[in-house]
């Protein structure tokens, strides 16, 4: 890598450093057969100047401030800058600062929370740490319904179906006394409408008793008498 002095000598004076091969390329990375023109600092300033002593340069005041007409290259650069300035809206710096402050505050809060968690774990015993890890990484099983929850649900369903409390209590007693299958059989015989409603609510299949199939006894076979012989 060239030093600052070597770069300055090569760019402004055309002096190549000893012992280093210099390859010149253009903007499209094509190798040049001979060195390009030396860098003209004054020309670069004239073509790319933006202001002079704090005053913005424009095509109207360029010659007055710098003492010579504006080069065509400067006019092209000025037009490009004006189009960019007009077409690109200025960012809302206050909104950017607010977002940056919020992000920094959130990061700080997360860091402080992490420190508190670390301190809490540091003061735990091995058994407490094991229990905490198990609590965090063990999936929570859904709570099983209790008898009270089922009864409350049944009661709410019964109320919505306009079933009287007496019929509801009677149906529950039958199911509790005889179990779901036999209870549904007896309830179906005693109160078919209540049985249908309860079956819809709790999903107990109405396993009603079916009458036994009638067995047909075979008809008795008649004894066949042989014909009497002719005299």
C-alpha atoms as a PDB file:
ATOM      1  CA  UNK A   1       0.000   0.000   0.000  1.00  0.00           C
ATOM      2  CA  UNK A   2       1.261   3.457  -0.893  1.00  0.00           C
ATOM      3  CA  UNK A   3       2.008   5.994   1.777  1.00  0.00           C
ATOM      4  CA  UNK A   4       0.259   9.366   1.821  1.00  0.00           C
ATOM      5  CA  UNK A   5       3.347  11.020   0.397  1.00  0.00           C
ATOM      6  CA  UNK A   6       3.645   8.439  -2.404  1.00  0.00           C
ATOM      7  CA  UNK A   7      -0.038   8.867  -3.271  1.00  0.00           C
ATOM      8  CA  UNK A   8       0.321  12.658  -3.369  1.00  0.00           C
ATOM      9  CA  UNK A   9       3.442  12.483  -5.584  1.00  0.00           C
ATOM     10  CA  UNK A  10       1.764  10.035  -7.965  1.00  0.00           C
ATOM     11  CA  UNK A  11      -1.531  11.930  -8.232  1.00  0.00           C
ATOM     12  CA  UNK A  12      -0.278  15.507  -8.312  1.00  0.00           C
ATOM     13  CA  UNK A  13       3.234  15.171  -9.728  1.00  0.00           C
ATOM     14  CA  UNK A  14       3.189  11.897 -11.714  1.00  0.00           C
ATOM     15  CA  UNK A  15       6.140  10.466  -9.696  1.00  0.00           C
ATOM     16  CA  UNK A  16       5.853   6.687  -9.396  1.00  0.00           C
ATOM     17  CA  UNK A  17       7.329   5.039  -6.262  1.00  0.00           C
ATOM     18  CA  UNK A  18      10.460   2.988  -6.738  1.00  0.00           C
ATOM     19  CA  UNK A  19      10.141  -0.787  -6.709  1.00  0.00           C
ATOM     20  CA  UNK A  20       6.336  -0.725  -7.150  1.00  0.00           C
ATOM     21  CA  UNK A  21       4.601  -1.395 -10.449  1.00  0.00           C
ATOM     22  CA  UNK A  22       1.710   1.013 -11.017  1.00  0.00           C
ATOM     23  CA  UNK A  23      -1.199  -0.051 -13.222  1.00  0.00           C
ATOM     24  CA  UNK A  24      -3.589   2.689 -14.380  1.00  0.00           C
ATOM     25  CA  UNK A  25      -7.268   1.915 -15.028  1.00  0.00           C
ATOM     26  CA  UNK A  26     -10.251   4.015 -15.991  1.00  0.00           C
ATOM     27  CA  UNK A  27     -13.697   4.190 -14.337  1.00  0.00           C
ATOM     28  CA  UNK A  28     -14.765   0.985 -16.129  1.00  0.00           C
ATOM     29  CA  UNK A  29     -11.657  -0.901 -14.850  1.00  0.00           C
ATOM     30  CA  UNK A  30     -10.022  -0.925 -18.272  1.00  0.00           C
ATOM     31  CA  UNK A  31      -6.207  -0.878 -18.184  1.00  0.00           C
ATOM     32  CA  UNK A  32      -4.746   2.331 -19.661  1.00  0.00           C
ATOM     33  CA  UNK A  33      -1.732   2.213 -21.923  1.00  0.00           C
ATOM     34  CA  UNK A  34      -0.324   5.445 -20.465  1.00  0.00           C
ATOM     35  CA  UNK A  35      -0.815   7.438 -17.260  1.00  0.00           C
ATOM     36  CA  UNK A  36      -3.873   9.723 -17.075  1.00  0.00           C
ATOM     37  CA  UNK A  37      -3.505  13.517 -16.762  1.00  0.00           C
ATOM     38  CA  UNK A  38      -2.275  14.780 -13.412  1.00  0.00           C
ATOM     39  CA  UNK A  39      -4.805  15.761 -10.807  1.00  0.00           C
ATOM     40  CA  UNK A  40      -5.574  19.488 -11.011  1.00  0.00           C
ATOM     41  CA  UNK A  41      -6.736  20.520  -7.548  1.00  0.00           C
ATOM     42  CA  UNK A  42      -7.792  24.022  -8.613  1.00  0.00           C
ATOM     43  CA  UNK A  43      -9.785  22.667 -11.522  1.00  0.00           C
ATOM     44  CA  UNK A  44     -11.486  20.156  -9.221  1.00  0.00           C
ATOM     45  CA  UNK A  45     -12.437  22.956  -6.814  1.00  0.00           C
ATOM     46  CA  UNK A  46     -13.813  25.106  -9.635  1.00  0.00           C
ATOM     47  CA  UNK A  47     -15.958  22.213 -10.917  1.00  0.00           C
ATOM     48  CA  UNK A  48     -17.195  20.925  -7.547  1.00  0.00           C
ATOM     49  CA  UNK A  49     -17.326  23.968  -5.279  1.00  0.00           C
ATOM     50  CA  UNK A  50     -20.576  24.291  -3.307  1.00  0.00           C
ATOM     51  CA  UNK A  51     -19.983  27.462  -1.307  1.00  0.00           C
ATOM     52  CA  UNK A  52     -17.513  30.284  -0.920  1.00  0.00           C
ATOM     53  CA  UNK A  53     -16.856  31.814   2.516  1.00  0.00           C
ATOM     54  CA  UNK A  54     -20.160  30.448   3.798  1.00  0.00           C
ATOM     55  CA  UNK A  55     -22.216  31.654   0.819  1.00  0.00           C
ATOM     56  CA  UNK A  56     -23.912  29.054  -1.343  1.00  0.00           C
ATOM     57  CA  UNK A  57     -22.724  29.194  -4.941  1.00  0.00           C
ATOM     58  CA  UNK A  58     -25.372  29.565  -7.629  1.00  0.00           C
ATOM     59  CA  UNK A  59     -25.151  30.190 -11.359  1.00  0.00           C
ATOM     60  CA  UNK A  60     -26.054  33.848 -10.636  1.00  0.00           C
ATOM     61  CA  UNK A  61     -23.268  34.576  -8.091  1.00  0.00           C
ATOM     62  CA  UNK A  62     -20.554  32.096  -9.131  1.00  0.00           C
ATOM     63  CA  UNK A  63     -18.560  34.494 -11.289  1.00  0.00           C
ATOM     64  CA  UNK A  64     -19.016  37.371  -8.851  1.00  0.00           C
ATOM     65  CA  UNK A  65     -17.627  35.338  -5.911  1.00  0.00           C
ATOM     66  CA  UNK A  66     -14.882  33.327  -7.633  1.00  0.00           C
ATOM     67  CA  UNK A  67     -13.847  35.813 -10.349  1.00  0.00           C
ATOM     68  CA  UNK A  68     -14.370  33.561 -13.395  1.00  0.00           C
ATOM     69  CA  UNK A  69     -17.326  32.060 -15.241  1.00  0.00           C
ATOM     70  CA  UNK A  70     -18.784  28.805 -13.982  1.00  0.00           C
ATOM     71  CA  UNK A  71     -17.423  25.803 -15.913  1.00  0.00           C
ATOM     72  CA  UNK A  72     -19.879  23.561 -17.685  1.00  0.00           C
ATOM     73  CA  UNK A  73     -18.918  20.713 -15.359  1.00  0.00           C
ATOM     74  CA  UNK A  74     -19.867  22.851 -12.335  1.00  0.00           C
ATOM     75  CA  UNK A  75     -23.227  23.748 -13.937  1.00  0.00           C
ATOM     76  CA  UNK A  76     -23.968  20.042 -14.509  1.00  0.00           C
ATOM     77  CA  UNK A  77     -23.047  19.191 -10.904  1.00  0.00           C
ATOM     78  CA  UNK A  78     -25.163  22.092  -9.601  1.00  0.00           C
ATOM     79  CA  UNK A  79     -28.216  20.935 -11.571  1.00  0.00           C
ATOM     80  CA  UNK A  80     -27.789  17.379 -10.265  1.00  0.00           C
ATOM     81  CA  UNK A  81     -27.528  18.595  -6.662  1.00  0.00           C
ATOM     82  CA  UNK A  82     -30.648  20.744  -7.002  1.00  0.00           C
ATOM     83  CA  UNK A  83     -32.675  17.848  -8.403  1.00  0.00           C
ATOM     84  CA  UNK A  84     -31.579  15.613  -5.536  1.00  0.00           C
ATOM     85  CA  UNK A  85     -32.320  18.291  -2.932  1.00  0.00           C
ATOM     86  CA  UNK A  86     -35.798  18.919  -4.322  1.00  0.00           C
ATOM     87  CA  UNK A  87     -36.750  15.297  -4.925  1.00  0.00           C
ATOM     88  CA  UNK A  88     -35.455  13.856  -1.643  1.00  0.00           C
ATOM     89  CA  UNK A  89     -37.447  14.895   1.439  1.00  0.00           C
ATOM     90  CA  UNK A  90     -35.463  15.757   4.523  1.00  0.00           C
ATOM     91  CA  UNK A  91     -35.758  13.127   7.248  1.00  0.00           C
ATOM     92  CA  UNK A  92     -37.637  13.965  10.428  1.00  0.00           C
ATOM     93  CA  UNK A  93     -34.645  14.244  12.723  1.00  0.00           C
ATOM     94  CA  UNK A  94     -36.772  14.609  15.852  1.00  0.00           C
ATOM     95  CA  UNK A  95     -38.638  11.391  15.054  1.00  0.00           C
ATOM     96  CA  UNK A  96     -35.318   9.636  14.458  1.00  0.00           C
ATOM     97  CA  UNK A  97     -33.974  10.872  17.803  1.00  0.00           C
ATOM     98  CA  UNK A  98     -37.151   9.752  19.587  1.00  0.00           C
ATOM     99  CA  UNK A  99     -36.994   6.293  18.017  1.00  0.00           C
ATOM    100  CA  UNK A 100     -33.325   6.007  18.924  1.00  0.00           C
ATOM    101  CA  UNK A 101     -34.028   7.002  22.540  1.00  0.00           C
ATOM    102  CA  UNK A 102     -36.873   4.494  22.784  1.00  0.00           C
ATOM    103  CA  UNK A 103     -34.710   1.710  21.348  1.00  0.00           C
ATOM    104  CA  UNK A 104     -31.876   2.563  23.737  1.00  0.00           C
ATOM    105  CA  UNK A 105     -34.246   2.643  26.720  1.00  0.00           C
ATOM    106  CA  UNK A 106     -35.778  -0.705  25.759  1.00  0.00           C
ATOM    107  CA  UNK A 107     -32.331  -2.249  25.367  1.00  0.00           C
ATOM    108  CA  UNK A 108     -31.306  -0.880  28.768  1.00  0.00           C
ATOM    109  CA  UNK A 109     -34.453  -2.273  30.409  1.00  0.00           C
ATOM    110  CA  UNK A 110     -33.855  -5.701  28.889  1.00  0.00           C
ATOM    111  CA  UNK A 111     -30.262  -5.594  30.122  1.00  0.00           C
ATOM    112  CA  UNK A 112     -31.363  -4.643  33.647  1.00  0.00           C
ATOM    113  CA  UNK A 113     -33.984  -7.409  33.616  1.00  0.00           C
ATOM    114  CA  UNK A 114     -31.304  -9.887  32.617  1.00  0.00           C
ATOM    115  CA  UNK A 115     -29.094  -8.734  35.479  1.00  0.00           C
ATOM    116  CA  UNK A 116     -31.956  -9.150  37.957  1.00  0.00           C
ATOM    117  CA  UNK A 117     -32.661 -12.663  36.674  1.00  0.00           C
ATOM    118  CA  UNK A 118     -28.983 -13.531  36.922  1.00  0.00           C
ATOM    119  CA  UNK A 119     -28.814 -12.229  40.484  1.00  0.00           C
ATOM    120  CA  UNK A 120     -31.946 -14.180  41.440  1.00  0.00           C
ATOM    121  CA  UNK A 121     -30.506 -17.413  40.056  1.00  0.00           C
ATOM    122  CA  UNK A 122     -27.206 -16.764  41.810  1.00  0.00           C
ATOM    123  CA  UNK A 123     -28.998 -16.723  45.180  1.00  0.00           C
ATOM    124  CA  UNK A 124     -30.948 -19.967  44.508  1.00  0.00           C
ATOM    125  CA  UNK A 125     -30.041 -23.411  45.697  1.00  0.00           C
ATOM    126  CA  UNK A 126     -29.497 -26.246  43.223  1.00  0.00           C
ATOM    127  CA  UNK A 127     -32.941 -27.648  44.006  1.00  0.00           C
ATOM    128  CA  UNK A 128     -34.588 -24.248  43.448  1.00  0.00           C
ATOM    129  CA  UNK A 129     -32.757 -23.787  40.140  1.00  0.00           C
ATOM    130  CA  UNK A 130     -33.845 -27.246  38.978  1.00  0.00           C
ATOM    131  CA  UNK A 131     -37.460 -26.524  39.955  1.00  0.00           C
ATOM    132  CA  UNK A 132     -37.394 -23.148  38.173  1.00  0.00           C
ATOM    133  CA  UNK A 133     -35.987 -24.687  34.972  1.00  0.00           C
ATOM    134  CA  UNK A 134     -38.597 -27.440  35.099  1.00  0.00           C
ATOM    135  CA  UNK A 135     -41.350 -24.859  35.584  1.00  0.00           C
ATOM    136  CA  UNK A 136     -40.196 -22.773  32.617  1.00  0.00           C
ATOM    137  CA  UNK A 137     -39.687 -25.598  30.164  1.00  0.00           C
ATOM    138  CA  UNK A 138     -42.512 -27.961  31.144  1.00  0.00           C
ATOM    139  CA  UNK A 139     -45.637 -27.375  29.031  1.00  0.00           C
ATOM    140  CA  UNK A 140     -48.707 -26.487  31.038  1.00  0.00           C
ATOM    141  CA  UNK A 141     -51.344 -29.215  30.847  1.00  0.00           C
ATOM    142  CA  UNK A 142     -54.930 -28.051  30.424  1.00  0.00           C
ATOM    143  CA  UNK A 143     -56.943 -28.106  33.621  1.00  0.00           C
ATOM    144  CA  UNK A 144     -59.297 -31.084  33.822  1.00  0.00           C
ATOM    145  CA  UNK A 145     -62.946 -30.235  34.407  1.00  0.00           C
ATOM    146  CA  UNK A 146     -64.263 -30.891  37.889  1.00  0.00           C
ATOM    147  CA  UNK A 147     -67.666 -32.301  38.800  1.00  0.00           C
ATOM    148  CA  UNK A 148     -68.745 -28.822  39.858  1.00  0.00           C
ATOM    149  CA  UNK A 149     -67.683 -27.342  36.497  1.00  0.00           C
ATOM    150  CA  UNK A 150     -69.589 -30.049  34.621  1.00  0.00           C
ATOM    151  CA  UNK A 151     -72.691 -29.508  36.728  1.00  0.00           C
ATOM    152  CA  UNK A 152     -72.499 -25.728  36.216  1.00  0.00           C
ATOM    153  CA  UNK A 153     -72.151 -26.217  32.465  1.00  0.00           C
ATOM    154  CA  UNK A 154     -75.067 -28.610  32.417  1.00  0.00           C
ATOM    155  CA  UNK A 155     -77.151 -26.160  34.384  1.00  0.00           C
ATOM    156  CA  UNK A 156     -76.343 -23.300  32.006  1.00  0.00           C
ATOM    157  CA  UNK A 157     -77.217 -25.496  29.036  1.00  0.00           C
ATOM    158  CA  UNK A 158     -80.430 -26.579  30.707  1.00  0.00           C
ATOM    159  CA  UNK A 159     -81.427 -23.008  31.435  1.00  0.00           C
ATOM    160  CA  UNK A 160     -80.837 -22.046  27.791  1.00  0.00           C
ATOM    161  CA  UNK A 161     -83.024 -25.002  26.723  1.00  0.00           C
ATOM    162  CA  UNK A 162     -85.789 -23.916  29.134  1.00  0.00           C
ATOM    163  CA  UNK A 163     -85.660 -27.179  31.081  1.00  0.00           C
ATOM    164  CA  UNK A 164     -87.255 -26.881  34.500  1.00  0.00           C
ATOM    165  CA  UNK A 165     -85.043 -27.281  37.589  1.00  0.00           C
ATOM    166  CA  UNK A 166     -87.142 -30.218  38.808  1.00  0.00           C
ATOM    167  CA  UNK A 167     -86.641 -32.203  35.604  1.00  0.00           C
ATOM    168  CA  UNK A 168     -82.949 -31.329  35.610  1.00  0.00           C
ATOM    169  CA  UNK A 169     -82.449 -32.478  39.214  1.00  0.00           C
ATOM    170  CA  UNK A 170     -84.366 -35.674  38.552  1.00  0.00           C
ATOM    171  CA  UNK A 171     -82.261 -36.425  35.486  1.00  0.00           C
ATOM    172  CA  UNK A 172     -79.023 -35.873  37.428  1.00  0.00           C
ATOM    173  CA  UNK A 173     -80.134 -38.146  40.252  1.00  0.00           C
ATOM    174  CA  UNK A 174     -80.919 -40.940  37.821  1.00  0.00           C
ATOM    175  CA  UNK A 175     -77.528 -40.620  36.128  1.00  0.00           C
ATOM    176  CA  UNK A 176     -75.683 -40.452  39.453  1.00  0.00           C
ATOM    177  CA  UNK A 177     -77.546 -43.464  40.820  1.00  0.00           C
ATOM    178  CA  UNK A 178     -77.350 -45.798  37.825  1.00  0.00           C
ATOM    179  CA  UNK A 179     -74.352 -44.485  35.864  1.00  0.00           C
ATOM    180  CA  UNK A 180     -74.344 -43.016  32.345  1.00  0.00           C
ATOM    181  CA  UNK A 181     -75.487 -46.041  30.327  1.00  0.00           C
ATOM    182  CA  UNK A 182     -78.126 -47.582  32.576  1.00  0.00           C
ATOM    183  CA  UNK A 183     -79.135 -44.123  33.809  1.00  0.00           C
ATOM    184  CA  UNK A 184     -79.785 -42.940  30.245  1.00  0.00           C
ATOM    185  CA  UNK A 185     -81.888 -46.044  29.610  1.00  0.00           C
ATOM    186  CA  UNK A 186     -84.066 -45.366  32.654  1.00  0.00           C
ATOM    187  CA  UNK A 187     -84.223 -41.625  31.930  1.00  0.00           C
ATOM    188  CA  UNK A 188     -85.272 -42.293  28.350  1.00  0.00           C
ATOM    189  CA  UNK A 189     -88.147 -44.424  29.594  1.00  0.00           C
ATOM    190  CA  UNK A 190     -89.168 -41.969  32.317  1.00  0.00           C
ATOM    191  CA  UNK A 191     -88.681 -38.633  30.485  1.00  0.00           C
ATOM    192  CA  UNK A 192     -87.683 -38.937  26.797  1.00  0.00           C
ATOM    193  CA  UNK A 193     -87.422 -35.174  26.221  1.00  0.00           C
ATOM    194  CA  UNK A 194     -85.181 -34.668  29.238  1.00  0.00           C
ATOM    195  CA  UNK A 195     -83.058 -37.647  28.153  1.00  0.00           C
ATOM    196  CA  UNK A 196     -82.620 -36.200  24.663  1.00  0.00           C
ATOM    197  CA  UNK A 197     -81.591 -32.843  26.111  1.00  0.00           C
ATOM    198  CA  UNK A 198     -79.099 -34.390  28.547  1.00  0.00           C
ATOM    199  CA  UNK A 199     -77.705 -36.620  25.807  1.00  0.00           C
ATOM    200  CA  UNK A 200     -77.138 -33.569  23.593  1.00  0.00           C
ATOM    201  CA  UNK A 201     -75.358 -31.717  26.390  1.00  0.00           C
ATOM    202  CA  UNK A 202     -73.017 -34.404  27.754  1.00  0.00           C
ATOM    203  CA  UNK A 203     -72.854 -36.681  24.705  1.00  0.00           C
ATOM    204  CA  UNK A 204     -73.955 -39.918  26.423  1.00  0.00           C
ATOM    205  CA  UNK A 205     -75.255 -42.274  23.732  1.00  0.00           C
ATOM    206  CA  UNK A 206     -78.816 -43.323  24.361  1.00  0.00           C
ATOM    207  CA  UNK A 207     -78.122 -47.015  24.707  1.00  0.00           C
ATOM    208  CA  UNK A 208     -81.765 -47.909  25.119  1.00  0.00           C
ATOM    209  CA  UNK A 209     -82.819 -51.462  25.694  1.00  0.00           C
ATOM    210  CA  UNK A 210     -83.990 -53.203  22.605  1.00  0.00           C
ATOM    211  CA  UNK A 211     -86.736 -55.789  22.913  1.00  0.00           C
ATOM    212  CA  UNK A 212     -85.392 -59.274  22.364  1.00  0.00           C
ATOM    213  CA  UNK A 213     -86.051 -60.712  18.950  1.00  0.00           C
ATOM    214  CA  UNK A 214     -88.978 -63.052  18.905  1.00  0.00           C
ATOM    215  CA  UNK A 215     -87.894 -66.584  18.311  1.00  0.00           C
ATOM    216  CA  UNK A 216     -90.309 -68.510  16.113  1.00  0.00           C
ATOM    217  CA  UNK A 217     -90.682 -72.098  17.264  1.00  0.00           C
ATOM    218  CA  UNK A 218     -90.798 -74.587  14.407  1.00  0.00           C
ATOM    219  CA  UNK A 219     -94.225 -75.846  13.478  1.00  0.00           C
ATOM    220  CA  UNK A 220     -94.865 -79.420  14.686  1.00  0.00           C
ATOM    221  CA  UNK A 221     -94.598 -81.914  11.899  1.00  0.00           C
ATOM    222  CA  UNK A 222     -97.747 -83.960  11.326  1.00  0.00           C
ATOM    223  CA  UNK A 223     -97.418 -87.673  11.357  1.00  0.00           C
ATOM    224  CA  UNK A 224     -98.110 -89.043   7.954  1.00  0.00           C
ATOM    225  CA  UNK A 225    -100.517 -92.027   8.030  1.00  0.00           C
ATOM    226  CA  UNK A 226    -100.080 -94.561   5.244  1.00  0.00           C
ATOM    227  CA  UNK A 227    -103.218 -95.186   3.150  1.00  0.00           C
ATOM    228  CA  UNK A 228    -105.320 -98.227   3.950  1.00  0.00           C
ATOM    229  CA  UNK A 229    -105.109-101.066   1.432  1.00  0.00           C
ATOM    230  CA  UNK A 230    -108.131-101.716  -0.791  1.00  0.00           C
ATOM    231  CA  UNK A 231    -110.117-104.844   0.187  1.00  0.00           C
END
